[in-house]
Amino acid sequence: MEKVEFKTWIGQDIKGRCFVLELSAGGKYFEDQCWPQMVEKLGGGKVVRIKGEREWEEKGEEAILPSLFGEKKILLLEDLEESLALKIKKTSSPHFLVFISSGWRGGKEWDDSIWVKVEPPRGGWEDFWEKEARRRKLSLDYQVVRSLSRWSREYDWGEEDVEQFLSQFPEGETVKMEDVELYFEKNERTLLFRFLDATGERNLERATFYLHSLLGVGFPPSLLLTHIARRFRLLWQAQETEEEVVDLWSGRKLSSFEWERKILKNKNKYNLEEIKRAFEVLYQTDRAIKTRNPDPESLLLGMLVKIMAE
C-alpha cells in the first residue's frame, strides 16, 4: 500500500483506478482546494458522489456500471465501512474509485491502491490569508493574520468563508482586530460553536447568552437540537471508549482540535446518568417543537436548565 502526500501525488502520473484519501485537513479545505485539482487530474469526468451504505445500495450498482459511451466517471465514496469499501474496490468497474477513509486500518488488501494524505498546507492559513489580502489590496498586520488563521482552523473555514470576510472591506483598507472580533461575535457559525462549548462546559449563563444570539440571527431550533445531541454523543463516547479517530455514531473522522479541546477537556462535566438524561430532555424538546408550536426561545431555555441541573 503506497501512501503519498497530496501535493506530491498531484504532480505524479496516474497509477491505477482506486484511491483512498486520508483527510487531516478540514472538509471545506479539501472540497475547495484539493478535490477540484483531483477531478481535473483524473480527467475531469462526471463525478458521482455517494455517502453511506444506504445511498450505495440505492445508487451504487448503477453508478459503477460501464458507460454506454465509454465515459470514465469519478466515484467519490464517503462514510462507508472499510469492509464494504474493499468489496467495491474488487469490482471490475472501469471508473475511478475515490474513497474517503473513516479511520480505516488499511493493510495488504489495499496494496493495489494509492492512499493520498490530504493535510493543510505548512504555514497554512497564515500564508493563505496574506495572499488573499494582497490580492484584494487590503492590509492585515501580524496580529490580525494570526487571529484569522486561528479562527479558520478552529471552525474549518473554506475559500468562500475567507472571501465573505474580506469582501466587506473596500480596497486599500486596513483590517483591525476590532473588525475580526465584531465579525466573529455576529457570525452564525461562531455563535453555534460558542453555544456548544458553553453547553459542554456546563456554563448556563454563557449558553443562554449564545442561545439568544443564535435565535436572533434565525438559527433553526431543530438544527440546534441536532448539534447539541452530537456534542453529548461525543461526551458519552469519551467516557465509554478511548476511540478518538472517528465519531462512532456517524463514522466521520474527528479533528484532533475538537476531540482534545472540546470533548476530552469537558468529558467529566456531566456523568453518564446526566448525559442519558440530556438525551431524554432533547427528545421531549424535539417533540414539543414539532407538535405544539411553542415559543422556541422559552422552550430551549427550559431545556438548557433541565440539562444542566445538578
Protein backbone atom coordinates (compact mmCIF):
# COMPACT_ATOMS: atom_id res chain seq x y z
CA MET A 1 0.00 0.00 0.00
CA GLU A 2 1.57 3.22 -1.19
CA LYS A 3 0.96 6.39 0.84
CA VAL A 4 1.76 9.77 -0.64
CA GLU A 5 1.07 13.38 0.29
CA PHE A 6 -1.48 15.14 -1.88
CA LYS A 7 0.94 17.81 -3.09
CA THR A 8 3.30 15.04 -4.26
CA TRP A 9 0.60 12.87 -5.82
CA ILE A 10 -0.87 15.76 -7.81
CA GLY A 11 2.41 16.05 -9.74
CA GLN A 12 2.78 12.33 -10.48
CA ASP A 13 1.46 10.17 -13.30
CA ILE A 14 -1.84 8.46 -12.56
CA LYS A 15 -1.44 4.88 -11.36
CA GLY A 16 -4.44 2.59 -11.08
CA ARG A 17 -8.08 3.47 -10.62
CA CYS A 18 -8.53 3.23 -6.84
CA PHE A 19 -7.55 5.93 -4.35
CA VAL A 20 -8.11 6.32 -0.61
CA LEU A 21 -7.99 9.80 0.88
CA GLU A 22 -6.86 10.33 4.47
CA LEU A 23 -8.17 13.75 5.46
CA SER A 24 -6.16 15.59 8.08
CA ALA A 25 -7.34 18.90 6.68
CA GLY A 26 -10.85 20.21 7.24
CA GLY A 27 -13.66 19.23 4.91
CA LYS A 28 -14.02 22.70 3.44
CA TYR A 29 -10.32 22.98 2.68
CA PHE A 30 -10.47 19.60 0.92
CA GLU A 31 -13.53 20.49 -1.16
CA ASP A 32 -12.33 23.99 -2.07
CA GLN A 33 -8.62 23.41 -2.63
CA CYS A 34 -7.93 19.71 -3.24
CA TRP A 35 -10.94 17.98 -4.76
CA PRO A 36 -11.16 20.25 -7.88
CA GLN A 37 -7.48 19.53 -8.58
CA MET A 38 -8.07 15.81 -8.17
CA VAL A 39 -11.04 15.81 -10.55
CA GLU A 40 -9.01 17.69 -13.15
CA LYS A 41 -6.08 15.31 -12.78
CA LEU A 42 -8.33 12.27 -13.24
CA GLY A 43 -9.62 13.66 -16.49
CA GLY A 44 -12.47 15.89 -15.40
CA GLY A 45 -15.14 13.25 -16.00
CA LYS A 46 -18.58 13.06 -14.44
CA VAL A 47 -18.44 12.96 -10.64
CA VAL A 48 -20.86 10.70 -8.76
CA ARG A 49 -20.86 11.32 -5.02
CA ILE A 50 -22.24 8.61 -2.74
CA LYS A 51 -22.48 8.93 1.06
CA GLY A 52 -23.12 5.97 3.31
CA GLU A 53 -24.20 2.38 2.85
CA ARG A 54 -27.86 3.17 2.17
CA GLU A 55 -27.04 5.55 -0.67
CA TRP A 56 -24.60 2.98 -2.05
CA GLU A 57 -27.38 0.37 -2.06
CA GLU A 58 -29.66 2.81 -3.89
CA LYS A 59 -27.26 4.22 -6.48
CA GLY A 60 -24.01 2.27 -6.39
CA GLU A 61 -24.87 -0.66 -8.65
CA GLU A 62 -25.89 1.64 -11.49
CA ALA A 63 -23.06 4.13 -10.90
CA ILE A 64 -20.35 1.53 -11.11
CA LEU A 65 -21.50 0.05 -14.45
CA PRO A 66 -19.53 0.94 -17.61
CA SER A 67 -20.87 3.91 -19.55
CA LEU A 68 -22.56 3.22 -22.91
CA PHE A 69 -20.35 5.88 -24.46
CA GLY A 70 -17.10 4.84 -22.80
CA GLU A 71 -17.17 7.77 -20.37
CA LYS A 72 -14.94 7.31 -17.34
CA LYS A 73 -16.61 8.55 -14.19
CA ILE A 74 -15.14 9.54 -10.83
CA LEU A 75 -16.96 7.98 -7.89
CA LEU A 76 -16.42 9.78 -4.58
CA LEU A 77 -17.42 7.33 -1.85
CA GLU A 78 -17.81 8.55 1.74
CA ASP A 79 -18.99 7.25 5.13
CA LEU A 80 -18.54 3.57 4.27
CA GLU A 81 -17.33 0.73 6.45
CA GLU A 82 -13.92 -0.47 5.32
CA SER A 83 -15.29 -3.98 4.61
CA LEU A 84 -17.83 -2.58 2.13
CA ALA A 85 -15.20 -0.34 0.53
CA LEU A 86 -13.00 -3.40 -0.07
CA LYS A 87 -15.87 -5.22 -1.77
CA ILE A 88 -16.48 -2.23 -4.03
CA LYS A 89 -12.78 -2.00 -4.84
CA LYS A 90 -12.80 -5.59 -6.11
CA THR A 91 -15.43 -4.90 -8.75
CA SER A 92 -14.43 -4.80 -12.41
CA SER A 93 -15.76 -1.29 -12.98
CA PRO A 94 -13.65 0.89 -15.32
CA HIS A 95 -14.34 4.06 -13.33
CA PHE A 96 -12.07 5.82 -10.84
CA LEU A 97 -12.96 4.95 -7.24
CA VAL A 98 -12.04 7.60 -4.67
CA PHE A 99 -12.76 6.59 -1.08
CA ILE A 100 -12.58 8.87 1.94
CA SER A 101 -11.18 6.84 4.82
CA SER A 102 -13.12 6.94 8.09
CA GLY A 103 -10.26 5.81 10.29
CA TRP A 104 -9.71 2.61 8.29
CA ARG A 105 -6.93 0.24 9.28
CA GLY A 106 -5.57 -0.31 5.77
CA GLY A 107 -3.32 -3.27 5.12
CA LYS A 108 -2.37 -5.72 2.40
CA GLU A 109 -5.83 -5.72 0.83
CA TRP A 110 -5.17 -2.14 -0.26
CA ASP A 111 -1.75 -2.88 -1.79
CA ASP A 112 -3.03 -2.23 -5.31
CA SER A 113 -4.41 1.19 -4.29
CA ILE A 114 -2.86 4.57 -3.56
CA TRP A 115 -3.53 6.28 -0.25
CA VAL A 116 -3.34 10.05 -0.57
CA LYS A 117 -2.74 12.04 2.62
CA VAL A 118 -4.57 15.37 2.47
CA GLU A 119 -3.09 17.77 5.00
CA PRO A 120 -3.39 21.53 5.49
CA PRO A 121 -0.52 23.45 3.91
CA ARG A 122 2.53 24.13 6.04
CA GLY A 123 2.49 27.74 7.10
CA GLY A 124 -1.10 27.08 6.36
CA TRP A 125 -3.78 29.61 6.82
CA GLU A 126 -1.47 32.50 7.62
CA ASP A 127 0.06 32.34 4.15
CA PHE A 128 -3.39 31.97 2.60
CA TRP A 129 -4.83 35.00 4.41
CA GLU A 130 -1.85 37.16 3.45
CA LYS A 131 -2.10 36.09 -0.19
CA GLU A 132 -5.84 36.81 -0.39
CA ALA A 133 -5.42 40.16 1.36
CA ARG A 134 -2.70 41.22 -1.11
CA ARG A 135 -4.93 40.17 -4.00
CA ARG A 136 -7.67 42.44 -2.68
CA LYS A 137 -5.17 45.21 -1.77
CA LEU A 138 -6.02 45.05 1.92
CA SER A 139 -3.65 45.48 4.83
CA LEU A 140 -3.51 42.87 7.64
CA ASP A 141 -0.95 43.21 10.41
CA TYR A 142 0.66 40.16 12.04
CA GLN A 143 -1.76 40.02 14.98
CA VAL A 144 -4.80 40.10 12.68
CA VAL A 145 -3.35 37.36 10.44
CA ARG A 146 -2.67 35.16 13.47
CA SER A 147 -6.20 35.66 14.76
CA LEU A 148 -7.84 34.97 11.40
CA SER A 149 -5.67 31.91 10.90
CA ARG A 150 -6.73 30.54 14.29
CA TRP A 151 -10.42 31.06 13.53
CA SER A 152 -10.00 29.40 10.13
CA ARG A 153 -8.51 26.25 11.61
CA GLU A 154 -10.90 26.07 14.55
CA TYR A 155 -14.06 26.45 12.51
CA ASP A 156 -12.94 24.60 9.38
CA TRP A 157 -13.25 27.55 7.03
CA GLY A 158 -13.13 27.20 3.29
CA GLU A 159 -12.29 29.59 0.47
CA GLU A 160 -15.82 31.04 0.33
CA ASP A 161 -15.68 31.89 4.05
CA VAL A 162 -12.44 33.81 3.56
CA GLU A 163 -13.88 35.65 0.57
CA GLN A 164 -17.03 36.53 2.51
CA PHE A 165 -14.99 38.03 5.33
CA LEU A 166 -12.63 40.05 3.11
CA SER A 167 -15.37 41.25 0.75
CA GLN A 168 -16.76 43.58 3.43
CA PHE A 169 -13.66 45.81 3.26
CA PRO A 170 -13.00 48.33 0.44
CA GLU A 171 -9.72 48.23 -1.45
CA GLY A 172 -6.82 49.81 0.44
CA GLU A 173 -8.39 49.49 3.89
CA THR A 174 -6.56 48.17 6.97
CA VAL A 175 -8.32 45.30 8.74
CA LYS A 176 -8.16 45.79 12.51
CA MET A 177 -8.54 43.37 15.42
CA GLU A 178 -11.83 45.07 16.31
CA ASP A 179 -13.14 44.12 12.84
CA VAL A 180 -12.22 40.49 13.44
CA GLU A 181 -13.79 40.36 16.89
CA LEU A 182 -17.00 42.05 15.74
CA TYR A 183 -17.38 39.73 12.77
CA PHE A 184 -16.96 36.55 14.75
CA GLU A 185 -19.25 37.73 17.52
CA LYS A 186 -22.05 38.05 14.92
CA ASN A 187 -21.18 35.11 12.70
CA GLU A 188 -23.78 32.32 12.95
CA ARG A 189 -21.23 29.55 12.77
CA THR A 190 -19.11 31.08 15.51
CA LEU A 191 -22.15 31.60 17.72
CA LEU A 192 -23.06 27.94 17.30
CA PHE A 193 -19.61 26.71 18.32
CA ARG A 194 -19.54 29.03 21.31
CA PHE A 195 -23.01 27.89 22.37
CA LEU A 196 -21.96 24.21 22.15
CA ASP A 197 -18.75 24.92 24.08
CA ALA A 198 -20.70 26.66 26.85
CA THR A 199 -23.17 23.78 26.99
CA GLY A 200 -20.34 21.23 27.15
CA GLU A 201 -18.65 23.26 29.90
CA ARG A 202 -21.95 23.35 31.83
CA ASN A 203 -21.93 27.13 31.83
CA LEU A 204 -25.62 28.08 31.82
CA GLU A 205 -25.04 31.85 31.71
CA ARG A 206 -22.84 31.73 28.60
CA ALA A 207 -25.01 29.09 26.91
CA THR A 208 -28.08 31.27 27.46
CA PHE A 209 -26.31 34.31 26.03
CA TYR A 210 -25.31 32.49 22.83
CA LEU A 211 -28.74 30.85 22.54
CA HIS A 212 -30.33 34.32 22.45
CA SER A 213 -27.79 35.36 19.80
CA LEU A 214 -28.41 32.28 17.64
CA LEU A 215 -32.16 32.65 17.70
CA GLY A 216 -31.69 36.34 16.96
CA VAL A 217 -29.98 35.52 13.65
CA GLY A 218 -32.66 32.96 12.78
CA PHE A 219 -30.84 29.70 13.56
CA PRO A 220 -33.37 26.80 13.26
CA PRO A 221 -34.25 25.30 16.69
CA SER A 222 -34.45 21.73 15.31
CA LEU A 223 -30.97 22.02 13.82
CA LEU A 224 -29.71 23.35 17.14
CA LEU A 225 -31.04 20.21 18.87
CA THR A 226 -29.15 18.07 16.35
CA HIS A 227 -25.87 19.81 17.17
CA ILE A 228 -26.46 19.52 20.93
CA ALA A 229 -27.20 15.80 20.57
CA ARG A 230 -23.95 15.30 18.67
CA ARG A 231 -21.97 17.07 21.40
CA PHE A 232 -23.46 14.83 24.10
CA ARG A 233 -22.87 11.72 21.98
CA LEU A 234 -19.18 12.62 21.82
CA LEU A 235 -19.03 13.29 25.57
CA TRP A 236 -20.57 9.85 26.09
CA GLN A 237 -18.06 8.33 23.66
CA ALA A 238 -15.17 9.94 25.56
CA GLN A 239 -16.36 8.34 28.81
CA GLU A 240 -17.04 4.91 27.35
CA THR A 241 -14.11 4.39 24.99
CA GLU A 242 -10.66 5.69 24.11
CA GLU A 243 -11.66 5.86 20.44
CA GLU A 244 -10.65 9.27 19.11
CA VAL A 245 -10.34 8.69 15.38
CA VAL A 246 -14.00 8.87 14.41
CA ASP A 247 -17.40 9.82 15.70
CA LEU A 248 -18.61 6.28 16.40
CA TRP A 249 -22.22 7.21 15.70
CA SER A 250 -21.72 8.77 12.26
CA GLY A 251 -18.38 7.22 11.25
CA ARG A 252 -16.97 10.65 10.40
CA LYS A 253 -13.39 11.49 11.28
CA LEU A 254 -12.93 13.89 14.20
CA SER A 255 -10.39 16.68 14.19
CA SER A 256 -7.78 16.44 16.94
CA PHE A 257 -8.68 20.01 17.94
CA GLU A 258 -12.33 19.14 18.54
CA TRP A 259 -11.57 15.88 20.33
CA GLU A 260 -8.91 17.28 22.66
CA ARG A 261 -10.16 20.83 23.29
CA LYS A 262 -13.92 20.37 23.14
CA ILE A 263 -14.60 16.79 24.20
CA LEU A 264 -11.85 15.33 26.36
CA LYS A 265 -11.44 18.61 28.22
CA ASN A 266 -15.11 18.54 29.28
CA LYS A 267 -15.88 14.83 29.40
CA ASN A 268 -16.33 14.85 33.18
CA LYS A 269 -18.58 17.91 33.36
CA TYR A 270 -21.53 15.53 33.09
CA ASN A 271 -21.67 12.00 34.45
CA LEU A 272 -23.15 9.17 32.40
CA GLU A 273 -26.59 9.40 34.01
CA GLU A 274 -26.72 13.13 33.30
CA ILE A 275 -25.78 12.54 29.67
CA LYS A 276 -28.59 9.98 29.35
CA ARG A 277 -30.96 12.49 30.95
CA ALA A 278 -29.85 15.10 28.40
CA PHE A 279 -30.96 12.84 25.54
CA GLU A 280 -34.37 12.38 27.15
CA VAL A 281 -34.73 16.17 27.53
CA LEU A 282 -33.65 16.67 23.91
CA TYR A 283 -36.22 14.11 22.74
CA GLN A 284 -39.02 15.80 24.69
CA THR A 285 -37.99 19.22 23.38
CA ASP A 286 -37.91 17.98 19.80
CA ARG A 287 -41.42 16.53 20.13
CA ALA A 288 -42.71 19.76 21.64
CA ILE A 289 -41.26 21.83 18.79
CA LYS A 290 -42.85 19.57 16.16
CA THR A 291 -46.28 19.11 17.76
CA ARG A 292 -47.13 22.06 19.98
CA ASN A 293 -45.86 25.09 18.04
CA PRO A 294 -44.48 26.71 21.23
CA ASP A 295 -42.32 29.79 21.69
CA PRO A 296 -38.91 28.26 20.76
CA GLU A 297 -36.87 30.58 22.98
CA SER A 298 -38.78 29.70 26.16
CA LEU A 299 -38.71 26.01 25.28
CA LEU A 300 -34.98 25.95 24.59
CA LEU A 301 -34.16 27.94 27.71
CA GLY A 302 -36.12 25.45 29.76
CA MET A 303 -34.24 22.63 28.02
CA LEU A 304 -30.88 24.13 29.00
CA VAL A 305 -31.91 24.46 32.63
CA LYS A 306 -33.04 20.82 32.74
CA ILE A 307 -29.88 19.54 31.06
CA MET A 308 -27.55 21.46 33.36
CA ALA A 309 -29.48 20.85 36.59
CA GLU A 310 -27.38 19.02 39.19
